[in-house]
Amino acid sequence: MAKSYCFVSWLIDGSGAPVKTDVLLCVEGGLISSIAFANPGELFRSGFEGVDGCALESYPACTLVPGLIDCHVHLSMSGKTDPGLRVRQLAYDFEQNRPLIGQRLEKILALGIMAVRDGGDAGGHALRYSRENPNPFVRVKCAGKGWRAPGRYGKIIGRAPENGATLAESIKAASPPADHVKILNSGINSLNEYGRETPPQFDREELGAAFLQARNLGMKIMVHANGRRPVEFAIDAGCDSIEHGFFMGEENLEKMADRQVVWVPTAYTMKALSCDTSLGAERSGVAGKIFENQLEQMSRARELGVQVACGTDAGSFGVRHGAALFEELKLLNEAGFSIEKIIRCATHAGARLLGLDRELGRLCPGMPANFLVVAGPPANLPGSLAEPMAVYRAGEKIISRK
């Protein structure tokens, strides 16, 4: 098997462990075979030309991290703020969306994002794209069309059960089969009334039966839920992750920590709205207050040991694919997460949630050599992630700015 080496001054392995310094990474057949300390002085004397007769890529004064994961995106939406454009885009058919989805995947790959979890669209376009046009370097997990209650929020990303069918029956009958199930169990945040909570879309029994059906089909469940009762019902019914979770409160955070339910906070959605002057001072001010409340919940989640995975809701208003991930990571840092834990949220935690933990998420012997290199020390993270020097997939450099 072909063998190569990569030297880097700092390495963050994705597990949450402390940063490693002066690391020599050995790759054989696309897998990491060893991670060892290397004396940079000795490598400098050899001119960084090779090790044991094998090729050596050298990145002194750089940091290496695992390939990144965005756990909540909407690939069929652009994230642009022009209201007219958004309305037109939401009406696109699959052939109109196909090249746009492809462009978004290429954009995120260039930033070292190697997997995304799509939260659904009304046409099921992201799911169809992932089946017909798989990107060889970006893993895409899709919900297809999400599920909502009749007459409730979620028309742009989902559908309601039809002809009197239950949610569980509808999930069983859905075609084509998706990678996971997305259920909406609340409305969205009001920008007119701070802290307003909407009632659950489904009760505990409906959710429990639906979750059981999804598990029988081998699918995990992501639940859009804001407010205390919608989140509580989803946790009690046994969901895998809570998406957003605005205003869910301390008791729900404690339950999530106890039951190992993953939280994907998507805090940047509210920060983006708070900075949008077109909304007017009052509404953007409410968005700002919601954002600050979410930061407080994120800080408390860290203290309680809630499993947090990084997701952006990219495609929503003002949340652009790729770049939004780094904004979300900055907010985790602002909420008190260490650099190592921030990277874990965007790598190992996401890989476990998506069922990709044998392919992505950590850098250790036996794992595929999927990583990116950024200039400067770990102290420059997460900002330095916005311009990776190189992106490697299975040990092969697929993107380079060196």
Protein backbone atom coordinates (compact mmCIF):
# COMPACT_ATOMS: atom_id res chain seq x y z
CA MET A 1 0.00 0.00 0.00
CA ALA A 2 1.15 3.53 -0.74
CA LYS A 3 2.58 5.28 2.29
CA SER A 4 2.92 9.02 2.88
CA TYR A 5 3.55 11.37 5.78
CA CYS A 6 2.19 14.71 6.90
CA PHE A 7 3.93 16.91 9.46
CA VAL A 8 1.97 19.59 11.28
CA SER A 9 2.77 21.78 14.27
CA TRP A 10 -0.59 21.21 15.97
CA LEU A 11 -3.25 18.51 15.67
CA ILE A 12 -6.76 18.41 17.17
CA ASP A 13 -8.07 14.86 16.87
CA GLY A 14 -11.82 15.52 17.25
CA SER A 15 -12.27 13.57 20.49
CA GLY A 16 -12.10 16.64 22.71
CA ALA A 17 -8.63 15.67 23.94
CA PRO A 18 -5.91 18.31 24.33
CA VAL A 19 -4.06 19.59 21.29
CA LYS A 20 -1.08 17.52 20.14
CA THR A 21 2.08 19.35 19.07
CA ASP A 22 4.71 18.57 16.42
CA VAL A 23 2.89 15.62 14.90
CA LEU A 24 3.91 13.26 12.12
CA LEU A 25 0.87 11.59 10.61
CA CYS A 26 1.50 8.41 8.62
CA VAL A 27 -1.07 7.41 5.97
CA GLU A 28 -1.18 4.00 4.29
CA GLY A 29 -3.85 3.04 1.78
CA GLY A 30 -5.97 6.04 2.71
CA LEU A 31 -5.98 5.16 6.44
CA ILE A 32 -4.06 6.69 9.31
CA SER A 33 -1.51 4.11 10.43
CA SER A 34 0.21 6.18 13.12
CA ILE A 35 0.27 9.56 14.83
CA ALA A 36 3.56 10.29 16.50
CA PHE A 37 5.68 13.13 17.86
CA ALA A 38 8.26 14.40 15.40
CA ASN A 39 11.22 16.64 16.10
CA PRO A 40 10.82 19.49 13.62
CA GLY A 41 14.54 20.26 13.82
CA GLU A 42 15.38 16.83 12.42
CA LEU A 43 12.79 17.19 9.67
CA PHE A 44 14.14 20.64 8.79
CA ARG A 45 17.62 19.21 8.44
CA SER A 46 16.25 16.71 5.90
CA GLY A 47 14.64 19.60 4.06
CA PHE A 48 11.12 18.23 4.65
CA GLU A 49 11.68 16.07 1.58
CA GLY A 50 10.57 12.74 2.91
CA VAL A 51 10.55 10.13 5.68
CA ASP A 52 11.83 6.59 5.14
CA GLY A 53 11.91 7.28 1.43
CA CYS A 54 8.19 8.22 1.42
CA ALA A 55 6.56 11.49 0.41
CA LEU A 56 6.19 14.12 3.14
CA GLU A 57 3.79 17.05 3.17
CA SER A 58 4.93 19.64 5.70
CA TYR A 59 2.77 22.27 7.42
CA PRO A 60 4.88 24.00 10.06
CA ALA A 61 3.00 26.66 12.04
CA CYS A 62 -0.32 25.12 10.95
CA THR A 63 -3.16 23.22 12.65
CA LEU A 64 -4.73 20.00 11.40
CA VAL A 65 -8.33 19.03 12.27
CA PRO A 66 -10.74 16.30 11.13
CA GLY A 67 -13.09 16.90 8.22
CA LEU A 68 -16.00 19.08 9.38
CA ILE A 69 -19.70 18.19 9.58
CA ASP A 70 -22.76 20.46 9.43
CA CYS A 71 -25.60 18.62 11.14
CA HIS A 72 -28.46 20.80 9.92
CA VAL A 73 -28.73 22.24 6.41
CA HIS A 74 -31.32 22.75 3.68
CA LEU A 75 -29.49 22.18 0.42
CA SER A 76 -32.43 23.25 -1.74
CA MET A 77 -32.36 26.77 -0.24
CA SER A 78 -29.68 29.42 -0.69
CA GLY A 79 -29.71 31.44 2.52
CA LYS A 80 -30.01 34.70 0.58
CA THR A 81 -32.10 37.48 2.11
CA ASP A 82 -33.83 38.91 -0.97
CA PRO A 83 -37.52 38.08 -0.26
CA GLY A 84 -38.48 37.88 -3.94
CA LEU A 85 -35.59 35.60 -4.76
CA ARG A 86 -36.40 33.32 -1.85
CA VAL A 87 -40.01 32.97 -3.00
CA ARG A 88 -38.87 32.09 -6.51
CA GLN A 89 -36.30 29.60 -5.26
CA LEU A 90 -38.82 27.82 -3.08
CA ALA A 91 -40.91 27.22 -6.20
CA TYR A 92 -38.03 25.70 -8.21
CA ASP A 93 -38.51 22.22 -9.60
CA PHE A 94 -35.81 19.57 -9.28
CA GLU A 95 -34.05 20.37 -12.55
CA GLN A 96 -33.74 24.00 -11.51
CA ASN A 97 -32.41 22.99 -8.09
CA ARG A 98 -30.05 20.26 -9.27
CA PRO A 99 -27.12 22.53 -10.34
CA LEU A 100 -27.61 24.81 -7.34
CA ILE A 101 -27.37 21.91 -4.89
CA GLY A 102 -24.24 20.74 -6.68
CA GLN A 103 -22.68 24.19 -6.41
CA ARG A 104 -23.44 24.36 -2.68
CA LEU A 105 -21.78 21.01 -2.08
CA GLU A 106 -18.67 22.11 -3.98
CA LYS A 107 -18.59 25.30 -1.94
CA ILE A 108 -18.74 23.52 1.40
CA LEU A 109 -16.15 20.95 0.33
CA ALA A 110 -13.70 23.76 -0.42
CA LEU A 111 -14.07 24.74 3.25
CA GLY A 112 -13.32 21.24 4.50
CA ILE A 113 -16.92 20.27 5.26
CA MET A 114 -17.16 16.58 4.40
CA ALA A 115 -20.67 15.67 5.54
CA VAL A 116 -24.03 17.38 5.95
CA ARG A 117 -27.40 16.34 7.34
CA ASP A 118 -30.26 17.82 5.34
CA GLY A 119 -33.40 18.73 7.26
CA GLY A 120 -35.82 18.42 4.37
CA ASP A 121 -37.51 20.38 1.62
CA ALA A 122 -41.04 20.33 0.26
CA GLY A 123 -40.01 18.74 -3.04
CA GLY A 124 -37.61 16.19 -1.60
CA HIS A 125 -34.99 17.60 -3.97
CA ALA A 126 -31.96 17.14 -1.70
CA LEU A 127 -32.81 13.46 -1.21
CA ARG A 128 -33.25 12.90 -4.92
CA TYR A 129 -29.99 14.71 -5.67
CA SER A 130 -28.07 12.61 -3.14
CA ARG A 131 -29.33 9.44 -4.86
CA GLU A 132 -28.83 10.53 -8.47
CA ASN A 133 -25.74 12.76 -8.20
CA PRO A 134 -23.70 11.65 -5.17
CA ASN A 135 -20.69 13.84 -4.45
CA PRO A 136 -17.62 11.58 -4.08
CA PHE A 137 -16.16 13.71 -1.30
CA VAL A 138 -19.16 15.01 0.69
CA ARG A 139 -21.47 12.59 2.47
CA VAL A 140 -25.07 13.82 2.34
CA LYS A 141 -27.68 12.41 4.72
CA CYS A 142 -31.23 13.48 3.86
CA ALA A 143 -34.66 13.55 5.46
CA GLY A 144 -36.41 14.00 2.12
CA LYS A 145 -39.66 15.69 3.08
CA GLY A 146 -40.14 16.51 6.74
CA TRP A 147 -43.35 15.78 8.65
CA ARG A 148 -45.68 18.36 10.20
CA ALA A 149 -49.20 18.34 11.60
CA PRO A 150 -52.04 19.46 9.29
CA GLY A 151 -52.35 23.24 9.23
CA ARG A 152 -49.16 23.79 11.22
CA TYR A 153 -45.78 25.36 10.44
CA GLY A 154 -43.42 23.58 8.05
CA LYS A 155 -44.92 23.67 4.57
CA ILE A 156 -41.65 24.76 2.96
CA ILE A 157 -39.75 21.75 4.32
CA GLY A 158 -42.37 19.07 4.79
CA ARG A 159 -45.80 17.57 4.46
CA ALA A 160 -48.63 16.43 6.69
CA PRO A 161 -50.04 12.89 6.93
CA GLU A 162 -52.85 12.42 4.40
CA ASN A 163 -56.19 10.62 4.23
CA GLY A 164 -56.49 10.17 7.97
CA ALA A 165 -53.21 8.28 8.28
CA THR A 166 -51.24 8.53 11.50
CA LEU A 167 -47.73 9.94 11.57
CA ALA A 168 -46.33 6.44 12.13
CA GLU A 169 -48.31 5.01 9.20
CA SER A 170 -47.16 7.87 6.99
CA ILE A 171 -43.51 7.31 7.84
CA LYS A 172 -43.84 3.62 7.03
CA ALA A 173 -45.48 4.32 3.67
CA ALA A 174 -43.16 7.16 2.63
CA SER A 175 -41.35 6.76 -0.68
CA PRO A 176 -38.56 7.06 -1.58
CA PRO A 177 -37.02 5.99 1.75
CA ALA A 178 -34.90 8.66 3.44
CA ASP A 179 -31.75 8.45 5.55
CA HIS A 180 -33.48 9.76 8.67
CA VAL A 181 -36.83 11.20 9.73
CA LYS A 182 -37.41 14.92 10.30
CA ILE A 183 -40.43 15.87 12.40
CA LEU A 184 -41.59 19.38 13.20
CA ASN A 185 -43.08 19.64 16.68
CA SER A 186 -43.43 23.40 17.15
CA GLY A 187 -43.62 26.62 15.22
CA ILE A 188 -40.80 29.10 14.64
CA ASN A 189 -39.62 31.96 16.84
CA SER A 190 -41.79 35.05 16.80
CA LEU A 191 -39.96 38.28 16.02
CA ASN A 192 -42.96 40.26 17.19
CA GLU A 193 -43.31 38.79 20.69
CA TYR A 194 -40.19 37.71 22.57
CA GLY A 195 -40.40 34.26 24.13
CA ARG A 196 -43.74 33.25 22.63
CA GLU A 197 -44.03 29.46 22.59
CA THR A 198 -46.27 27.44 20.28
CA PRO A 199 -48.04 24.22 21.33
CA PRO A 200 -46.65 20.84 20.23
CA GLN A 201 -47.65 19.69 16.77
CA PHE A 202 -47.86 16.06 17.93
CA ASP A 203 -48.48 14.58 21.38
CA ARG A 204 -46.23 12.10 23.18
CA GLU A 205 -48.16 9.06 21.98
CA GLU A 206 -48.09 10.11 18.32
CA LEU A 207 -44.39 10.84 18.53
CA GLY A 208 -43.64 7.61 20.36
CA ALA A 209 -45.40 5.50 17.72
CA ALA A 210 -43.70 7.45 14.93
CA PHE A 211 -40.26 7.08 16.50
CA LEU A 212 -40.78 3.34 16.94
CA GLN A 213 -41.72 3.02 13.28
CA ALA A 214 -38.66 5.02 12.22
CA ARG A 215 -36.38 2.80 14.29
CA ASN A 216 -37.97 -0.31 12.80
CA LEU A 217 -36.93 1.11 9.43
CA GLY A 218 -33.40 1.74 10.70
CA MET A 219 -33.72 5.54 10.76
CA LYS A 220 -32.81 8.11 13.40
CA ILE A 221 -35.13 10.99 14.27
CA MET A 222 -34.36 14.72 14.22
CA VAL A 223 -37.03 16.95 15.75
CA HIS A 224 -37.52 20.66 15.10
CA ALA A 225 -38.77 21.91 18.46
CA ASN A 226 -38.80 25.24 20.30
CA GLY A 227 -40.36 25.89 23.69
CA ARG A 228 -40.69 23.72 26.76
CA ARG A 229 -43.55 21.37 25.90
CA PRO A 230 -42.63 20.63 22.26
CA VAL A 231 -39.09 19.74 23.31
CA GLU A 232 -40.26 17.80 26.36
CA PHE A 233 -42.62 15.66 24.26
CA ALA A 234 -39.87 14.87 21.74
CA ILE A 235 -37.37 13.91 24.44
CA ASP A 236 -39.89 11.77 26.32
CA ALA A 237 -40.80 9.96 23.10
CA GLY A 238 -37.14 9.11 22.47
CA CYS A 239 -35.82 11.35 19.68
CA ASP A 240 -32.15 11.28 18.69
CA SER A 241 -31.71 15.04 18.40
CA ILE A 242 -33.43 18.31 19.15
CA GLU A 243 -32.97 20.91 16.42
CA HIS A 244 -32.96 24.57 17.51
CA GLY A 245 -34.42 24.16 21.02
CA PHE A 246 -34.98 27.86 21.64
CA PHE A 247 -36.64 28.55 25.02
CA MET A 248 -36.64 24.84 25.98
CA GLY A 249 -35.48 25.57 29.53
CA GLU A 250 -33.28 24.00 32.19
CA GLU A 251 -35.38 20.92 32.85
CA ASN A 252 -35.21 19.82 29.24
CA LEU A 253 -31.45 20.41 29.14
CA GLU A 254 -31.09 18.17 32.19
CA LYS A 255 -33.19 15.47 30.51
CA MET A 256 -31.09 15.67 27.36
CA ALA A 257 -27.88 15.28 29.35
CA ASP A 258 -29.32 12.30 31.23
CA ARG A 259 -30.69 10.54 28.14
CA GLN A 260 -27.85 11.47 25.78
CA VAL A 261 -30.15 13.30 23.37
CA VAL A 262 -28.04 15.41 21.00
CA TRP A 263 -28.72 19.14 20.74
CA VAL A 264 -28.14 21.11 17.52
CA PRO A 265 -28.66 24.74 18.67
CA THR A 266 -28.46 26.65 15.32
CA ALA A 267 -27.89 29.88 17.26
CA TYR A 268 -26.50 31.77 14.28
CA THR A 269 -29.95 31.86 12.68
CA MET A 270 -31.04 34.42 15.27
CA LYS A 271 -27.79 36.37 15.15
CA ALA A 272 -28.18 36.71 11.38
CA LEU A 273 -31.70 38.05 11.83
CA SER A 274 -30.58 40.43 14.57
CA CYS A 275 -28.13 42.01 12.11
CA ASP A 276 -30.68 42.43 9.31
CA THR A 277 -31.73 46.08 9.26
CA SER A 278 -34.50 45.39 6.74
CA LEU A 279 -36.53 43.77 9.53
CA GLY A 280 -36.81 47.04 11.42
CA ALA A 281 -35.30 47.92 14.77
CA GLU A 282 -38.02 46.30 16.89
CA ARG A 283 -38.01 42.89 15.17
CA SER A 284 -34.24 42.69 14.84
CA GLY A 285 -34.05 43.64 18.52
CA VAL A 286 -36.29 40.71 19.43
CA ALA A 287 -34.06 38.43 17.34
CA GLY A 288 -31.09 39.73 19.30
CA LYS A 289 -32.75 38.90 22.62
CA ILE A 290 -33.59 35.40 21.37
CA PHE A 291 -29.98 34.96 20.32
CA GLU A 292 -28.68 36.00 23.73
CA ASN A 293 -31.07 33.59 25.45
CA GLN A 294 -29.84 30.77 23.21
CA LEU A 295 -26.21 31.56 24.11
CA GLU A 296 -27.16 31.26 27.78
CA GLN A 297 -28.77 27.87 27.12
CA MET A 298 -25.64 26.72 25.24
CA SER A 299 -23.45 27.72 28.17
CA ARG A 300 -25.71 25.81 30.55
CA ALA A 301 -25.72 22.80 28.22
CA ARG A 302 -21.91 22.77 28.41
CA GLU A 303 -22.06 22.78 32.21
CA LEU A 304 -24.62 19.96 32.30
CA GLY A 305 -22.77 17.77 29.80
CA VAL A 306 -25.36 17.86 27.02
CA GLN A 307 -24.05 16.32 23.80
CA VAL A 308 -23.90 19.26 21.36
CA ALA A 309 -23.39 18.84 17.62
CA CYS A 310 -22.79 21.78 15.31
CA GLY A 311 -25.48 22.60 12.77
CA THR A 312 -26.33 25.87 11.06
CA ASP A 313 -29.77 25.63 9.42
CA ALA A 314 -27.93 26.79 6.28
CA GLY A 315 -30.39 27.85 3.62
CA SER A 316 -32.58 29.72 6.09
CA PHE A 317 -32.80 33.52 5.98
CA GLY A 318 -29.28 34.99 5.99
CA VAL A 319 -27.54 31.69 6.77
CA ARG A 320 -25.17 30.83 3.92
CA HIS A 321 -23.90 27.34 3.20
CA GLY A 322 -20.37 26.72 4.41
CA ALA A 323 -19.50 30.07 5.95
CA ALA A 324 -22.29 29.76 8.54
CA LEU A 325 -20.55 26.77 10.13
CA PHE A 326 -17.66 28.93 11.27
CA GLU A 327 -20.07 31.51 12.65
CA GLU A 328 -21.82 28.78 14.64
CA LEU A 329 -18.48 27.54 15.98
CA LYS A 330 -17.63 31.07 17.12
CA LEU A 331 -20.84 31.12 19.11
CA LEU A 332 -19.96 27.84 20.81
CA ASN A 333 -16.67 29.47 21.79
CA GLU A 334 -18.58 32.49 23.07
CA ALA A 335 -20.71 30.12 25.16
CA GLY A 336 -17.58 28.82 26.88
CA PHE A 337 -16.68 25.71 24.89
CA SER A 338 -12.92 25.14 24.59
CA ILE A 339 -11.30 24.96 21.15
CA GLU A 340 -10.97 21.18 21.48
CA LYS A 341 -14.64 20.83 22.42
CA ILE A 342 -15.72 23.17 19.60
CA ILE A 343 -13.94 20.98 17.08
CA ARG A 344 -15.53 17.91 18.65
CA CYS A 345 -18.99 19.44 18.14
CA ALA A 346 -18.21 19.90 14.43
CA THR A 347 -16.54 16.52 13.93
CA HIS A 348 -16.92 13.51 16.24
CA ALA A 349 -20.29 14.53 17.70
CA GLY A 350 -21.69 15.07 14.22
CA ALA A 351 -20.22 11.84 12.86
CA ARG A 352 -21.88 9.83 15.63
CA LEU A 353 -25.21 11.55 15.04
CA LEU A 354 -25.06 10.86 11.29
CA GLY A 355 -23.82 7.29 11.72
CA LEU A 356 -20.53 8.14 10.01
CA ASP A 357 -18.19 7.62 12.94
CA ARG A 358 -16.18 4.92 11.15
CA GLU A 359 -15.44 7.34 8.33
CA LEU A 360 -15.33 10.83 9.83
CA GLY A 361 -15.03 12.65 13.11
CA ARG A 362 -11.71 11.54 14.62
CA LEU A 363 -8.06 11.32 13.72
CA CYS A 364 -6.55 8.15 15.13
CA PRO A 365 -4.88 4.99 13.77
CA GLY A 366 -7.29 2.95 11.67
CA MET A 367 -9.50 5.88 10.69
CA PRO A 368 -9.61 7.27 7.13
CA ALA A 369 -7.24 10.20 6.64
CA ASN A 370 -9.96 12.83 6.18
CA PHE A 371 -8.76 16.18 7.43
CA LEU A 372 -8.02 19.82 6.67
CA VAL A 373 -5.07 22.06 7.47
CA VAL A 374 -5.36 25.72 8.46
CA ALA A 375 -2.70 28.37 8.98
CA GLY A 376 -1.64 29.32 12.48
CA PRO A 377 -2.02 27.85 15.96
CA PRO A 378 -5.21 26.51 17.60
CA ALA A 379 -5.69 29.92 19.20
CA ASN A 380 -6.67 31.22 15.74
CA LEU A 381 -9.59 28.79 15.60
CA PRO A 382 -12.39 28.77 14.72
CA GLY A 383 -11.82 31.84 12.52
CA SER A 384 -8.91 30.28 10.61
CA LEU A 385 -11.18 27.46 9.42
CA ALA A 386 -12.72 29.85 6.91
CA GLU A 387 -9.64 29.56 4.67
CA PRO A 388 -8.14 26.05 4.83
CA MET A 389 -4.71 25.64 3.26
CA ALA A 390 -5.46 22.08 2.20
CA VAL A 391 -8.24 19.49 2.34
CA TYR A 392 -7.46 15.75 2.32
CA ARG A 393 -9.88 12.90 1.62
CA ALA A 394 -8.59 9.36 2.28
CA GLY A 395 -5.07 10.77 2.40
CA GLU A 396 -5.30 12.43 -1.01
CA LYS A 397 -5.02 16.21 -1.26
CA ILE A 398 -8.16 17.30 -3.10
CA ILE A 399 -7.95 21.05 -2.43
CA SER A 400 -4.84 23.15 -1.93
CA ARG A 401 -4.15 26.84 -1.42
CA LYS A 402 -0.54 26.33 -0.42
